[in-house]
Amino acid sequence: MSNDKKKFVLGKIKHELLDKLLKEFTSGVSDDRVIMGSKIGEDAAVIDMGDKYLVAKTDPITFVTDEIGYYAVNINVNDVACTGAIPKWFQSTILLPEKDTDEELIRNIFNNIHETCKSMNIAVIGGHTEVTAGLDRPIVVGSLLGEVEKESLVSTSGVKPGDVLLLTKGIFIEGTSIIGREKEQYLIEKGYGSDFVKRCKNYLFDPGISVFKDALLANQHFNINAMHDPTEGGLLTGIAEMAIASDTGVEILEKEIIILPEPLELSKIFKLNPLNTISSGSLLIAMDKKESPEYIDLLKKNGITAAEIGYFQSKSKGLVIKDKNGKKSRMVYSEIDEITKIF
């Protein structure tokens, strides 16, 4: 009998295995106050606290070192914001490598977290910090709590067939910043100027990895059926997660997907599919098509671009993508992010 273990690659585990694990491993404890628990596509838990819902989220930062605290706060804020909640309380577990850790590194991470939270009126309420064996870079695991009025709660599973699918800003935003910061020397050696690298690195802030403003404008002014933040696996995985969570199908119009110049160039350099590359900073929204133009106009007035990139349909029609020539095919996605190819 072979003792060989199945090898897992970097990134998310497959939806099929995750679904099996979520069904198999439960505590056996039923709690009626848990409005939303573990489910593919739902990135935050929701708990009934009486007059409001408490929203709980946790997510790690594993690909970057520079500005890691900024990433950790914003990545967690995005998922809380996608429920319609206001982020309130942040904790973090900071794991540090033996070799390259000094007081300056620790101080920089602490300052990064605190300043980012302060800018969004979030209280830092604790956490844990340690030097950990076997690491070659810092890892920050964030945990964020937020509050939402019960009537304002939005879930990924709220999609309805016929809803239009909107995308804000564009795709491959976080991935562009990561590559600019982690592969700066490589890009310079390949002949790309410092201005190009600087623009890539600045994608962290412009157009930015935060979707807090996008989500807030949506939920304050419109009847939103679902919002989702496409992270690892990129745009197509995020769309698939919305469809899985809501038990629907979807048709995507590739020609409407916004890909900015720097992400497009990095896709060619590193041979990455931009549709499957980590895309924090993009917000996916499902809403009634009649309200879509008004929302797009409101975003534009607030300096945020957006486009209709498809629509949801019945589950029986499946996940479909129409290419730039109008040819339809099955929408293929992967939980394994394209950016793992460069690490």
Protein backbone atom coordinates (compact mmCIF):
# COMPACT_ATOMS: atom_id res chain seq x y z
CA MET A 1 0.00 0.00 0.00
CA SER A 2 1.46 3.36 -0.99
CA ASN A 3 2.15 5.96 1.69
CA ASP A 4 2.46 8.75 -0.86
CA LYS A 5 0.51 11.83 0.10
CA LYS A 6 -1.33 13.94 -2.42
CA LYS A 7 0.63 17.12 -3.08
CA PHE A 8 -1.14 20.43 -2.61
CA VAL A 9 0.00 23.59 -4.37
CA LEU A 10 0.10 27.16 -3.09
CA GLY A 11 -3.22 28.96 -2.63
CA LYS A 12 -6.79 28.01 -1.82
CA ILE A 13 -7.81 24.40 -1.65
CA LYS A 14 -10.29 23.18 -4.28
CA HIS A 15 -13.96 24.03 -3.73
CA GLU A 16 -14.84 20.33 -4.00
CA LEU A 17 -12.60 19.39 -1.06
CA LEU A 18 -13.57 22.45 0.96
CA ASP A 19 -17.26 21.64 0.54
CA LYS A 20 -16.63 18.08 1.71
CA LEU A 21 -14.71 19.30 4.77
CA LEU A 22 -17.35 21.86 5.69
CA LYS A 23 -20.02 19.17 5.60
CA GLU A 24 -17.94 16.59 7.46
CA PHE A 25 -16.42 18.65 10.25
CA THR A 26 -18.94 20.50 12.34
CA SER A 27 -18.95 20.97 16.09
CA GLY A 28 -22.40 19.44 16.45
CA VAL A 29 -23.45 22.53 18.36
CA SER A 30 -26.48 24.31 16.98
CA ASP A 31 -26.75 28.04 17.63
CA ASP A 32 -29.78 29.90 16.32
CA ARG A 33 -27.89 33.21 16.61
CA VAL A 34 -25.53 32.21 13.80
CA ILE A 35 -27.19 33.75 10.76
CA MET A 36 -24.33 32.87 8.39
CA GLY A 37 -21.65 30.30 9.09
CA SER A 38 -19.16 28.40 6.94
CA LYS A 39 -20.14 28.30 3.27
CA ILE A 40 -18.31 28.53 -0.04
CA GLY A 41 -18.58 32.06 -1.37
CA GLU A 42 -19.52 33.61 1.97
CA ASP A 43 -16.39 35.29 3.33
CA ALA A 44 -17.70 36.44 6.71
CA ALA A 45 -19.79 34.99 9.52
CA VAL A 46 -22.90 36.80 10.76
CA ILE A 47 -24.16 36.56 14.35
CA ASP A 48 -27.40 37.97 15.78
CA MET A 49 -26.53 40.32 18.64
CA GLY A 50 -30.09 41.51 19.26
CA ASP A 51 -30.59 44.93 17.70
CA LYS A 52 -27.79 44.44 15.13
CA TYR A 53 -25.76 41.74 13.41
CA LEU A 54 -22.11 41.19 14.29
CA VAL A 55 -19.98 40.34 11.24
CA ALA A 56 -16.76 38.36 11.80
CA LYS A 57 -13.94 37.86 9.29
CA THR A 58 -10.41 36.43 9.28
CA ASP A 59 -7.86 36.37 6.44
CA PRO A 60 -4.05 36.03 6.20
CA ILE A 61 -1.46 37.92 4.15
CA THR A 62 1.15 35.49 2.85
CA PHE A 63 2.52 36.82 -0.45
CA VAL A 64 3.98 40.20 0.58
CA THR A 65 6.34 41.73 3.13
CA ASP A 66 6.27 45.44 2.25
CA GLU A 67 3.17 47.24 3.63
CA ILE A 68 1.92 43.91 5.03
CA GLY A 69 -0.10 45.62 7.78
CA TYR A 70 -1.93 47.78 5.22
CA TYR A 71 -2.78 44.67 3.21
CA ALA A 72 -3.96 42.76 6.30
CA VAL A 73 -6.38 45.43 7.44
CA ASN A 74 -7.81 46.22 4.01
CA ILE A 75 -8.27 42.60 2.89
CA ASN A 76 -10.37 41.94 5.98
CA VAL A 77 -12.23 45.26 5.68
CA ASN A 78 -13.22 44.38 2.12
CA ASP A 79 -15.03 41.19 3.13
CA VAL A 80 -16.79 42.87 6.05
CA ALA A 81 -17.82 45.77 3.79
CA CYS A 82 -19.27 43.30 1.28
CA THR A 83 -21.87 42.33 3.89
CA GLY A 84 -22.92 45.96 4.22
CA ALA A 85 -21.31 46.19 7.66
CA ILE A 86 -19.13 48.94 9.14
CA PRO A 87 -15.74 47.58 10.33
CA LYS A 88 -15.15 48.23 14.04
CA TRP A 89 -12.57 46.02 15.79
CA PHE A 90 -9.33 44.49 14.47
CA GLN A 91 -6.99 41.82 15.84
CA SER A 92 -3.93 40.22 14.26
CA THR A 93 -1.60 37.29 14.71
CA ILE A 94 1.87 38.27 13.50
CA LEU A 95 4.25 35.40 12.69
CA LEU A 96 7.86 36.43 12.09
CA PRO A 97 10.84 34.59 10.53
CA GLU A 98 13.84 33.72 12.71
CA LYS A 99 16.44 34.93 10.24
CA ASP A 100 15.46 38.47 9.30
CA THR A 101 13.40 39.73 12.23
CA ASP A 102 14.54 42.79 14.16
CA GLU A 103 12.81 45.47 16.21
CA GLU A 104 12.49 47.75 13.18
CA LEU A 105 10.53 45.11 11.24
CA ILE A 106 8.16 44.50 14.15
CA ARG A 107 7.70 48.22 14.76
CA ASN A 108 6.95 48.83 11.08
CA ILE A 109 4.26 46.13 10.99
CA PHE A 110 2.66 47.42 14.20
CA ASN A 111 2.69 51.00 12.89
CA ASN A 112 1.33 49.90 9.51
CA ILE A 113 -1.62 48.13 11.14
CA HIS A 114 -2.40 50.91 13.61
CA GLU A 115 -2.20 53.76 11.09
CA THR A 116 -4.37 51.88 8.58
CA CYS A 117 -6.99 51.10 11.22
CA LYS A 118 -6.91 54.69 12.47
CA SER A 119 -7.62 55.98 8.95
CA MET A 120 -10.84 53.94 8.87
CA ASN A 121 -11.89 54.54 12.49
CA ILE A 122 -11.22 50.91 13.43
CA ALA A 123 -10.07 50.05 16.97
CA VAL A 124 -7.10 47.69 17.32
CA ILE A 125 -8.09 45.42 20.20
CA GLY A 126 -5.20 42.96 20.51
CA GLY A 127 -3.66 39.91 18.94
CA HIS A 128 -0.48 37.84 19.19
CA THR A 129 3.10 38.25 17.93
CA GLU A 130 5.86 35.63 17.80
CA VAL A 131 8.99 34.52 15.95
CA THR A 132 8.08 31.24 14.25
CA ALA A 133 10.28 28.42 12.96
CA GLY A 134 10.27 27.58 9.25
CA LEU A 135 9.20 30.96 7.85
CA ASP A 136 11.10 32.89 5.19
CA ARG A 137 8.85 35.98 5.42
CA PRO A 138 6.37 37.55 7.86
CA ILE A 139 2.77 36.35 7.88
CA VAL A 140 -0.05 38.44 9.30
CA VAL A 141 -3.42 36.84 10.01
CA GLY A 142 -6.06 39.49 10.50
CA SER A 143 -9.39 39.17 12.28
CA LEU A 144 -12.03 41.87 11.98
CA LEU A 145 -15.43 42.45 13.55
CA GLY A 146 -18.06 44.82 12.23
CA GLU A 147 -21.71 45.74 12.75
CA VAL A 148 -24.64 46.06 10.39
CA GLU A 149 -28.29 46.95 10.78
CA LYS A 150 -30.33 43.83 10.20
CA GLU A 151 -32.24 45.25 7.25
CA SER A 152 -28.95 46.27 5.56
CA LEU A 153 -27.22 42.88 5.57
CA VAL A 154 -25.93 41.73 2.15
CA SER A 155 -24.79 38.17 1.42
CA THR A 156 -22.94 36.59 -1.50
CA SER A 157 -25.81 34.10 -1.77
CA GLY A 158 -28.38 36.84 -2.42
CA VAL A 159 -27.93 36.74 -6.21
CA LYS A 160 -31.11 36.29 -8.28
CA PRO A 161 -31.30 35.04 -11.89
CA GLY A 162 -31.60 38.12 -14.10
CA ASP A 163 -29.36 40.27 -11.90
CA VAL A 164 -26.72 42.24 -13.74
CA LEU A 165 -23.11 41.71 -12.63
CA LEU A 166 -21.01 44.85 -12.15
CA LEU A 167 -17.24 45.16 -11.71
CA THR A 168 -15.62 48.23 -10.16
CA LYS A 169 -12.16 49.61 -11.04
CA GLY A 170 -10.82 46.63 -12.99
CA ILE A 171 -8.97 43.40 -12.25
CA PHE A 172 -5.53 42.19 -11.15
CA ILE A 173 -5.16 45.25 -8.87
CA GLU A 174 -3.68 43.57 -5.81
CA GLY A 175 -1.61 41.26 -7.98
CA THR A 176 -0.05 44.24 -9.75
CA SER A 177 1.00 45.79 -6.44
CA ILE A 178 2.38 42.48 -5.16
CA ILE A 179 4.47 41.88 -8.29
CA GLY A 180 5.74 45.46 -8.32
CA ARG A 181 6.92 45.11 -4.73
CA GLU A 182 8.17 41.52 -4.73
CA LYS A 183 9.68 41.41 -8.23
CA GLU A 184 11.03 44.94 -8.54
CA GLN A 185 14.63 43.90 -9.25
CA TYR A 186 13.55 41.33 -11.83
CA LEU A 187 11.48 43.93 -13.70
CA ILE A 188 14.37 46.41 -13.73
CA GLU A 189 16.76 43.72 -14.99
CA LYS A 190 14.29 43.00 -17.80
CA GLY A 191 14.51 46.61 -18.90
CA TYR A 192 11.36 48.04 -17.35
CA GLY A 193 11.94 51.54 -16.03
CA SER A 194 11.56 52.71 -12.46
CA ASP A 195 8.44 54.69 -13.44
CA PHE A 196 6.67 51.48 -14.56
CA VAL A 197 7.67 49.66 -11.36
CA LYS A 198 6.55 52.63 -9.26
CA ARG A 199 3.14 52.66 -10.96
CA CYS A 200 2.74 48.93 -10.31
CA LYS A 201 3.67 49.28 -6.65
CA ASN A 202 1.28 52.20 -6.26
CA TYR A 203 -1.69 50.04 -7.33
CA LEU A 204 -1.88 49.28 -3.61
CA PHE A 205 -3.26 52.82 -3.17
CA ASP A 206 -4.36 53.86 -6.69
CA PRO A 207 -6.72 52.47 -7.84
CA GLY A 208 -6.21 50.74 -4.46
CA ILE A 209 -7.02 47.38 -2.91
CA SER A 210 -9.86 48.74 -0.77
CA VAL A 211 -13.49 48.34 -1.87
CA PHE A 212 -14.91 49.93 1.27
CA LYS A 213 -16.04 53.09 -0.53
CA ASP A 214 -17.46 51.13 -3.49
CA ALA A 215 -19.49 48.89 -1.17
CA LEU A 216 -20.63 51.75 1.08
CA LEU A 217 -21.97 53.75 -1.88
CA ALA A 218 -23.78 50.68 -3.17
CA ASN A 219 -25.43 49.69 0.09
CA GLN A 220 -26.37 53.20 1.20
CA HIS A 221 -28.16 54.17 -2.01
CA PHE A 222 -29.35 51.01 -3.77
CA ASN A 223 -31.05 47.65 -3.26
CA ILE A 224 -28.04 45.36 -3.60
CA ASN A 225 -28.65 41.63 -3.85
CA ALA A 226 -25.04 40.50 -3.42
CA MET A 227 -21.48 41.79 -3.19
CA HIS A 228 -18.22 39.86 -3.35
CA ASP A 229 -14.51 40.67 -3.22
CA PRO A 230 -12.51 38.52 -5.68
CA THR A 231 -9.21 37.66 -4.00
CA GLU A 232 -7.18 34.49 -4.64
CA GLY A 233 -8.18 32.91 -7.93
CA GLY A 234 -9.05 36.31 -9.30
CA LEU A 235 -12.15 37.53 -11.09
CA LEU A 236 -13.44 34.23 -12.47
CA THR A 237 -13.10 32.41 -9.14
CA GLY A 238 -14.91 35.27 -7.40
CA ILE A 239 -17.74 35.07 -9.92
CA ALA A 240 -17.92 31.28 -9.54
CA GLU A 241 -18.14 31.68 -5.76
CA MET A 242 -21.10 34.02 -6.16
CA ALA A 243 -22.85 31.53 -8.43
CA ILE A 244 -22.10 28.58 -6.12
CA ALA A 245 -23.29 30.43 -3.03
CA SER A 246 -26.53 31.55 -4.68
CA ASP A 247 -27.18 28.36 -6.70
CA THR A 248 -27.30 30.21 -10.02
CA GLY A 249 -25.58 30.26 -13.39
CA VAL A 250 -23.83 33.21 -14.99
CA GLU A 251 -22.82 34.56 -18.40
CA ILE A 252 -19.73 36.79 -18.54
CA LEU A 253 -18.93 39.24 -21.35
CA GLU A 254 -15.14 39.20 -21.66
CA LYS A 255 -15.01 42.36 -23.78
CA GLU A 256 -16.52 44.40 -20.92
CA ILE A 257 -13.91 43.37 -18.33
CA ILE A 258 -11.62 46.26 -17.40
CA ILE A 259 -7.91 45.45 -17.52
CA LEU A 260 -5.67 48.46 -16.88
CA PRO A 261 -2.34 48.89 -18.75
CA GLU A 262 0.07 47.79 -15.99
CA PRO A 263 -1.78 44.54 -15.17
CA LEU A 264 -2.00 43.78 -18.88
CA GLU A 265 1.76 44.21 -19.30
CA LEU A 266 2.56 42.12 -16.21
CA SER A 267 0.30 39.37 -17.57
CA LYS A 268 2.53 39.18 -20.65
CA ILE A 269 5.82 39.38 -18.74
CA PHE A 270 4.99 36.58 -16.29
CA LYS A 271 2.61 34.63 -18.57
CA LEU A 272 -0.33 35.01 -16.20
CA ASN A 273 -4.04 34.89 -16.97
CA PRO A 274 -5.32 38.24 -15.62
CA LEU A 275 -8.81 36.79 -15.14
CA ASN A 276 -7.45 34.36 -12.55
CA THR A 277 -4.96 36.63 -10.75
CA ILE A 278 -5.56 37.97 -7.24
CA SER A 279 -7.87 40.97 -7.56
CA SER A 280 -8.55 42.65 -4.23
CA GLY A 281 -9.60 46.18 -5.06
CA SER A 282 -12.26 44.94 -7.47
CA LEU A 283 -15.84 44.72 -6.25
CA LEU A 284 -18.42 42.39 -7.79
CA ILE A 285 -22.03 43.50 -7.36
CA ALA A 286 -25.29 41.79 -8.29
CA MET A 287 -28.26 44.11 -8.62
CA ASP A 288 -31.37 44.83 -10.65
CA LYS A 289 -30.36 45.99 -14.12
CA LYS A 290 -32.70 48.99 -13.89
CA GLU A 291 -30.62 50.45 -11.05
CA SER A 292 -27.23 49.70 -12.58
CA PRO A 293 -26.76 52.90 -14.67
CA GLU A 294 -27.48 55.12 -11.67
CA TYR A 295 -24.96 53.25 -9.52
CA ILE A 296 -22.29 53.42 -12.24
CA ASP A 297 -22.92 57.16 -12.51
CA LEU A 298 -22.63 57.62 -8.72
CA LEU A 299 -19.33 55.74 -8.71
CA LYS A 300 -18.04 57.89 -11.56
CA LYS A 301 -18.86 61.05 -9.60
CA ASN A 302 -16.78 59.60 -6.76
CA GLY A 303 -13.80 58.78 -8.97
CA ILE A 304 -14.49 55.05 -9.36
CA THR A 305 -14.95 53.35 -12.73
CA ALA A 306 -17.39 50.47 -13.16
CA ALA A 307 -18.91 48.35 -15.91
CA GLU A 308 -21.57 45.73 -16.45
CA ILE A 309 -19.65 42.54 -17.26
CA GLY A 310 -22.43 39.97 -17.41
CA TYR A 311 -25.60 38.71 -15.84
CA PHE A 312 -26.77 35.85 -13.67
CA GLN A 313 -29.06 33.18 -15.03
CA SER A 314 -30.64 29.90 -13.96
CA LYS A 315 -28.29 27.25 -12.62
CA SER A 316 -29.22 24.91 -15.47
CA LYS A 317 -27.48 27.24 -17.96
CA GLY A 318 -24.20 26.87 -16.10
CA LEU A 319 -21.17 29.16 -15.93
CA VAL A 320 -20.55 30.67 -19.37
CA ILE A 321 -18.13 33.22 -20.78
CA LYS A 322 -18.54 34.98 -24.14
CA ASP A 323 -15.16 35.92 -25.63
CA LYS A 324 -14.36 39.13 -27.50
CA ASN A 325 -15.47 37.51 -30.77
CA GLY A 326 -18.86 36.55 -29.36
CA LYS A 327 -18.08 32.83 -28.96
CA LYS A 328 -19.52 31.20 -25.85
CA SER A 329 -17.72 28.53 -23.82
CA ARG A 330 -17.74 27.11 -20.32
CA MET A 331 -16.24 29.54 -17.81
CA VAL A 332 -13.13 27.82 -16.48
CA TYR A 333 -11.82 29.02 -13.13
CA SER A 334 -9.20 27.87 -10.67
CA GLU A 335 -8.92 28.26 -6.92
CA ILE A 336 -5.12 28.23 -7.43
CA ASP A 337 -4.13 31.82 -8.13
CA GLU A 338 -1.98 32.63 -11.14
CA ILE A 339 0.38 34.67 -8.96
CA THR A 340 1.61 31.51 -7.23
CA LYS A 341 3.55 30.78 -10.43
CA ILE A 342 6.07 33.49 -9.58
CA PHE A 343 6.72 32.39 -5.98
